[in-house]
């Protein structure tokens, strides 16, 4: 079984957030719910990032 592009993207987003906030990545990765698909494993609860109408980051739901 392999990771889908979506799952790799979710992991990269979690890693980037962990590096920026200098926080532990492990709880976020352990919280991922994986499901099989035709493209490989997908994360059914991927991290979410919110932007305002100007395109500026407002907050995220990573690790919640």
PDB file of N, CA and C in Angstrom:
ATOM      1  N   UNK A   1       0.859  -1.170   0.000  1.00  0.00           N
ATOM      2  CA  UNK A   1       0.000   0.000   0.000  1.00  0.00           C
ATOM      3  C   UNK A   1       0.904   1.232   0.000  1.00  0.00           C
ATOM      4  N   UNK A   2       0.525   2.239  -0.759  1.00  0.00           N
ATOM      5  CA  UNK A   2       1.297   3.471  -0.836  1.00  0.00           C
ATOM      6  C   UNK A   2       0.429   4.655  -0.435  1.00  0.00           C
ATOM      7  N   UNK A   3       1.070   5.785  -0.208  1.00  0.00           N
ATOM      8  CA  UNK A   3       0.346   7.014   0.112  1.00  0.00           C
ATOM      9  C   UNK A   3      -0.098   7.704  -1.173  1.00  0.00           C
ATOM     10  N   UNK A   4      -1.284   8.255  -1.172  1.00  0.00           N
ATOM     11  CA  UNK A   4      -1.760   9.047  -2.303  1.00  0.00           C
ATOM     12  C   UNK A   4      -1.082  10.416  -2.263  1.00  0.00           C
ATOM     13  N   UNK A   5      -1.185  11.152  -3.357  1.00  0.00           N
ATOM     14  CA  UNK A   5      -0.662  12.522  -3.376  1.00  0.00           C
ATOM     15  C   UNK A   5      -1.351  13.378  -2.313  1.00  0.00           C
ATOM     16  N   UNK A   6      -2.623  13.137  -2.071  1.00  0.00           N
ATOM     17  CA  UNK A   6      -3.371  13.877  -1.054  1.00  0.00           C
ATOM     18  C   UNK A   6      -2.782  13.623   0.323  1.00  0.00           C
ATOM     19  N   UNK A   7      -2.456  12.361   0.623  1.00  0.00           N
ATOM     20  CA  UNK A   7      -1.888  12.018   1.935  1.00  0.00           C
ATOM     21  C   UNK A   7      -0.497  12.629   2.109  1.00  0.00           C
ATOM     22  N   UNK A   8       0.305  12.599   1.060  1.00  0.00           N
ATOM     23  CA  UNK A   8       1.633  13.216   1.130  1.00  0.00           C
ATOM     24  C   UNK A   8       1.498  14.714   1.360  1.00  0.00           C
ATOM     25  N   UNK A   9       0.550  15.356   0.680  1.00  0.00           N
ATOM     26  CA  UNK A   9       0.308  16.788   0.877  1.00  0.00           C
ATOM     27  C   UNK A   9      -0.123  17.102   2.299  1.00  0.00           C
ATOM     28  N   UNK A  10      -0.983  16.266   2.871  1.00  0.00           N
ATOM     29  CA  UNK A  10      -1.429  16.460   4.251  1.00  0.00           C
ATOM     30  C   UNK A  10      -0.254  16.343   5.216  1.00  0.00           C
ATOM     31  N   UNK A  11       0.624  15.383   4.962  1.00  0.00           N
ATOM     32  CA  UNK A  11       1.798  15.210   5.816  1.00  0.00           C
ATOM     33  C   UNK A  11       2.752  16.398   5.686  1.00  0.00           C
ATOM     34  N   UNK A  12       2.940  16.885   4.476  1.00  0.00           N
ATOM     35  CA  UNK A  12       3.840  18.025   4.259  1.00  0.00           C
ATOM     36  C   UNK A  12       3.293  19.289   4.921  1.00  0.00           C
ATOM     37  N   UNK A  13       1.972  19.492   4.844  1.00  0.00           N
ATOM     38  CA  UNK A  13       1.360  20.646   5.496  1.00  0.00           C
ATOM     39  C   UNK A  13       1.526  20.561   7.010  1.00  0.00           C
ATOM     40  N   UNK A  14       1.332  19.370   7.568  1.00  0.00           N
ATOM     41  CA  UNK A  14       1.514  19.180   9.006  1.00  0.00           C
ATOM     42  C   UNK A  14       2.973  19.421   9.401  1.00  0.00           C
ATOM     43  N   UNK A  15       3.912  18.945   8.584  1.00  0.00           N
ATOM     44  CA  UNK A  15       5.333  19.142   8.865  1.00  0.00           C
ATOM     45  C   UNK A  15       5.695  20.620   8.823  1.00  0.00           C
ATOM     46  N   UNK A  16       5.223  21.318   7.794  1.00  0.00           N
ATOM     47  CA  UNK A  16       5.527  22.742   7.676  1.00  0.00           C
ATOM     48  C   UNK A  16       4.977  23.517   8.880  1.00  0.00           C
ATOM     49  N   UNK A  17       3.762  23.201   9.283  1.00  0.00           N
ATOM     50  CA  UNK A  17       3.170  23.871  10.443  1.00  0.00           C
ATOM     51  C   UNK A  17       3.961  23.564  11.703  1.00  0.00           C
ATOM     52  N   UNK A  18       4.384  22.322  11.859  1.00  0.00           N
ATOM     53  CA  UNK A  18       5.167  21.924  13.024  1.00  0.00           C
ATOM     54  C   UNK A  18       6.492  22.689  13.081  1.00  0.00           C
ATOM     55  N   UNK A  19       7.137  22.841  11.937  1.00  0.00           N
ATOM     56  CA  UNK A  19       8.402  23.576  11.894  1.00  0.00           C
ATOM     57  C   UNK A  19       8.192  25.060  12.222  1.00  0.00           C
ATOM     58  N   UNK A  20       7.137  25.650  11.658  1.00  0.00           N
ATOM     59  CA  UNK A  20       6.875  27.079  11.903  1.00  0.00           C
ATOM     60  C   UNK A  20       6.546  27.351  13.361  1.00  0.00           C
ATOM     61  N   UNK A  21       5.767  26.454  13.973  1.00  0.00           N
ATOM     62  CA  UNK A  21       5.350  26.653  15.360  1.00  0.00           C
ATOM     63  C   UNK A  21       6.301  25.998  16.355  1.00  0.00           C
ATOM     64  N   UNK A  22       7.307  25.298  15.856  1.00  0.00           N
ATOM     65  CA  UNK A  22       8.245  24.552  16.680  1.00  0.00           C
ATOM     66  C   UNK A  22       7.488  23.640  17.652  1.00  0.00           C
ATOM     67  N   UNK A  23       6.554  22.884  17.073  1.00  0.00           N
ATOM     68  CA  UNK A  23       5.734  21.977  17.869  1.00  0.00           C
ATOM     69  C   UNK A  23       5.973  20.527  17.419  1.00  0.00           C
ATOM     70  N   UNK A  24       5.493  19.598  18.206  1.00  0.00           N
ATOM     71  CA  UNK A  24       5.692  18.178  17.950  1.00  0.00           C
ATOM     72  C   UNK A  24       4.785  17.711  16.814  1.00  0.00           C
ATOM     73  N   UNK A  25       5.354  17.083  15.830  1.00  0.00           N
ATOM     74  CA  UNK A  25       4.623  16.582  14.665  1.00  0.00           C
ATOM     75  C   UNK A  25       3.903  15.268  14.957  1.00  0.00           C
ATOM     76  N   UNK A  26       4.423  14.483  15.870  1.00  0.00           N
ATOM     77  CA  UNK A  26       3.917  13.121  16.108  1.00  0.00           C
ATOM     78  C   UNK A  26       2.429  13.086  16.447  1.00  0.00           C
ATOM     79  N   UNK A  27       1.916  13.914  17.360  1.00  0.00           N
ATOM     80  CA  UNK A  27       0.481  13.835  17.654  1.00  0.00           C
ATOM     81  C   UNK A  27      -0.406  14.123  16.437  1.00  0.00           C
ATOM     82  N   UNK A  28       0.041  15.014  15.583  1.00  0.00           N
ATOM     83  CA  UNK A  28      -0.741  15.329  14.380  1.00  0.00           C
ATOM     84  C   UNK A  28      -0.775  14.118  13.452  1.00  0.00           C
ATOM     85  N   UNK A  29       0.395  13.509  13.226  1.00  0.00           N
ATOM     86  CA  UNK A  29       0.438  12.339  12.354  1.00  0.00           C
ATOM     87  C   UNK A  29      -0.356  11.180  12.934  1.00  0.00           C
ATOM     88  N   UNK A  30      -0.274  10.981  14.243  1.00  0.00           N
ATOM     89  CA  UNK A  30      -1.037   9.894  14.883  1.00  0.00           C
ATOM     90  C   UNK A  30      -2.538  10.142  14.809  1.00  0.00           C
ATOM     91  N   UNK A  31      -2.920  11.407  14.717  1.00  0.00           N
ATOM     92  CA  UNK A  31      -4.342  11.750  14.620  1.00  0.00           C
ATOM     93  C   UNK A  31      -4.933  11.574  13.234  1.00  0.00           C
ATOM     94  N   UNK A  32      -4.081  11.390  12.224  1.00  0.00           N
ATOM     95  CA  UNK A  32      -4.589  11.195  10.867  1.00  0.00           C
ATOM     96  C   UNK A  32      -5.371   9.891  10.778  1.00  0.00           C
ATOM     97  N   UNK A  33      -6.523   9.962  10.138  1.00  0.00           N
ATOM     98  CA  UNK A  33      -7.327   8.773   9.859  1.00  0.00           C
ATOM     99  C   UNK A  33      -7.103   8.440   8.386  1.00  0.00           C
ATOM    100  N   UNK A  34      -6.556   7.250   8.135  1.00  0.00           N
ATOM    101  CA  UNK A  34      -6.226   6.840   6.771  1.00  0.00           C
ATOM    102  C   UNK A  34      -7.275   5.873   6.239  1.00  0.00           C
ATOM    103  N   UNK A  35      -7.545   6.000   4.946  1.00  0.00           N
ATOM    104  CA  UNK A  35      -8.496   5.097   4.286  1.00  0.00           C
ATOM    105  C   UNK A  35      -7.940   4.718   2.916  1.00  0.00           C
ATOM    106  N   UNK A  36      -8.187   3.492   2.497  1.00  0.00           N
ATOM    107  CA  UNK A  36      -7.702   3.079   1.181  1.00  0.00           C
ATOM    108  C   UNK A  36      -8.521   3.724   0.068  1.00  0.00           C
ATOM    109  N   UNK A  37      -7.862   3.999  -1.052  1.00  0.00           N
ATOM    110  CA  UNK A  37      -8.535   4.484  -2.253  1.00  0.00           C
ATOM    111  C   UNK A  37      -7.807   3.899  -3.455  1.00  0.00           C
ATOM    112  N   UNK A  38      -8.323   4.156  -4.631  1.00  0.00           N
ATOM    113  CA  UNK A  38      -7.674   3.660  -5.851  1.00  0.00           C
ATOM    114  C   UNK A  38      -6.293   4.269  -6.042  1.00  0.00           C
ATOM    115  N   UNK A  39      -6.066   5.458  -5.469  1.00  0.00           N
ATOM    116  CA  UNK A  39      -4.780   6.161  -5.607  1.00  0.00           C
ATOM    117  C   UNK A  39      -3.812   5.851  -4.476  1.00  0.00           C
ATOM    118  N   UNK A  40      -4.198   5.056  -3.511  1.00  0.00           N
ATOM    119  CA  UNK A  40      -3.391   4.768  -2.331  1.00  0.00           C
ATOM    120  C   UNK A  40      -4.121   5.251  -1.096  1.00  0.00           C
ATOM    121  N   UNK A  41      -3.420   5.277   0.024  1.00  0.00           N
ATOM    122  CA  UNK A  41      -4.044   5.736   1.269  1.00  0.00           C
ATOM    123  C   UNK A  41      -4.319   7.232   1.205  1.00  0.00           C
ATOM    124  N   UNK A  42      -5.490   7.648   1.694  1.00  0.00           N
ATOM    125  CA  UNK A  42      -5.843   9.063   1.789  1.00  0.00           C
ATOM    126  C   UNK A  42      -6.098   9.409   3.249  1.00  0.00           C
ATOM    127  N   UNK A  43      -5.891  10.662   3.605  1.00  0.00           N
ATOM    128  CA  UNK A  43      -6.181  11.156   4.951  1.00  0.00           C
ATOM    129  C   UNK A  43      -7.604  11.692   4.926  1.00  0.00           C
ATOM    130  N   UNK A  44      -8.477  11.096   5.745  1.00  0.00           N
ATOM    131  CA  UNK A  44      -9.881  11.509   5.737  1.00  0.00           C
ATOM    132  C   UNK A  44     -10.127  12.747   6.594  1.00  0.00           C
ATOM    133  N   UNK A  45      -9.159  13.114   7.425  1.00  0.00           N
ATOM    134  CA  UNK A  45      -9.274  14.309   8.273  1.00  0.00           C
ATOM    135  C   UNK A  45      -8.020  15.189   8.093  1.00  0.00           C
ATOM    136  N   UNK A  46      -7.796  15.681   6.862  1.00  0.00           N
ATOM    137  CA  UNK A  46      -6.572  16.439   6.609  1.00  0.00           C
ATOM    138  C   UNK A  46      -6.560  17.781   7.339  1.00  0.00           C
ATOM    139  N   UNK A  47      -5.373  18.361   7.513  1.00  0.00           N
ATOM    140  CA  UNK A  47      -5.283  19.695   8.122  1.00  0.00           C
ATOM    141  C   UNK A  47      -6.035  20.715   7.274  1.00  0.00           C
ATOM    142  N   UNK A  48      -6.607  21.709   7.938  1.00  0.00           N
ATOM    143  CA  UNK A  48      -7.343  22.777   7.251  1.00  0.00           C
ATOM    144  C   UNK A  48      -6.698  24.109   7.602  1.00  0.00           C
ATOM    145  N   UNK A  49      -6.491  24.934   6.594  1.00  0.00           N
ATOM    146  CA  UNK A  49      -5.933  26.271   6.792  1.00  0.00           C
ATOM    147  C   UNK A  49      -6.964  27.274   6.296  1.00  0.00           C
ATOM    148  N   UNK A  50      -7.179  28.335   7.053  1.00  0.00           N
ATOM    149  CA  UNK A  50      -8.191  29.341   6.709  1.00  0.00           C
ATOM    150  C   UNK A  50      -7.519  30.642   6.281  1.00  0.00           C
ATOM    151  N   UNK A  51      -8.076  31.258   5.242  1.00  0.00           N
ATOM    152  CA  UNK A  51      -7.584  32.531   4.733  1.00  0.00           C
ATOM    153  C   UNK A  51      -8.726  33.533   4.695  1.00  0.00           C
ATOM    154  N   UNK A  52      -8.398  34.824   4.841  1.00  0.00           N
ATOM    155  CA  UNK A  52      -9.424  35.852   4.707  1.00  0.00           C
ATOM    156  C   UNK A  52      -9.598  36.196   3.223  1.00  0.00           C
ATOM    157  N   UNK A  53     -10.460  37.154   2.936  1.00  0.00           N
ATOM    158  CA  UNK A  53     -10.746  37.500   1.544  1.00  0.00           C
ATOM    159  C   UNK A  53      -9.554  38.133   0.834  1.00  0.00           C
ATOM    160  N   UNK A  54      -8.576  38.602   1.592  1.00  0.00           N
ATOM    161  CA  UNK A  54      -7.367  39.177   1.000  1.00  0.00           C
ATOM    162  C   UNK A  54      -6.312  38.118   0.716  1.00  0.00           C
ATOM    163  N   UNK A  55      -6.577  36.872   1.121  1.00  0.00           N
ATOM    164  CA  UNK A  55      -5.616  35.804   0.908  1.00  0.00           C
ATOM    165  C   UNK A  55      -4.613  35.658   2.034  1.00  0.00           C
ATOM    166  N   UNK A  56      -4.852  36.331   3.159  1.00  0.00           N
ATOM    167  CA  UNK A  56      -3.956  36.247   4.307  1.00  0.00           C
ATOM    168  C   UNK A  56      -4.412  35.120   5.231  1.00  0.00           C
ATOM    169  N   UNK A  57      -3.405  34.356   5.754  1.00  0.00           N
ATOM    170  CA  UNK A  57      -3.686  33.262   6.675  1.00  0.00           C
ATOM    171  C   UNK A  57      -4.322  33.816   7.932  1.00  0.00           C
ATOM    172  N   UNK A  58      -5.381  33.191   8.407  1.00  0.00           N
ATOM    173  CA  UNK A  58      -6.033  33.636   9.641  1.00  0.00           C
ATOM    174  C   UNK A  58      -5.816  32.640  10.778  1.00  0.00           C
ATOM    175  N   UNK A  59      -6.016  31.359  10.507  1.00  0.00           N
ATOM    176  CA  UNK A  59      -5.777  30.326  11.517  1.00  0.00           C
ATOM    177  C   UNK A  59      -5.817  28.963  10.840  1.00  0.00           C
ATOM    178  N   UNK A  60      -5.486  27.931  11.604  1.00  0.00           N
ATOM    179  CA  UNK A  60      -5.546  26.574  11.062  1.00  0.00           C
ATOM    180  C   UNK A  60      -6.177  25.640  12.076  1.00  0.00           C
ATOM    181  N   UNK A  61      -6.542  24.470  11.587  1.00  0.00           N
ATOM    182  CA  UNK A  61      -7.136  23.429  12.425  1.00  0.00           C
ATOM    183  C   UNK A  61      -6.181  22.253  12.558  1.00  0.00           C
ATOM    184  N   UNK A  62      -4.882  22.505  12.418  1.00  0.00           N
ATOM    185  CA  UNK A  62      -3.912  21.428  12.484  1.00  0.00           C
ATOM    186  C   UNK A  62      -3.688  21.031  13.937  1.00  0.00           C
ATOM    187  N   UNK A  63      -3.839  19.755  14.208  1.00  0.00           N
ATOM    188  CA  UNK A  63      -3.581  19.247  15.552  1.00  0.00           C
ATOM    189  C   UNK A  63      -4.716  19.439  16.523  1.00  0.00           C
ATOM    190  N   UNK A  64      -5.868  19.851  16.029  1.00  0.00           N
ATOM    191  CA  UNK A  64      -7.018  20.040  16.930  1.00  0.00           C
ATOM    192  C   UNK A  64      -7.858  18.801  16.989  1.00  0.00           C
TER     193      UNK A  64
END
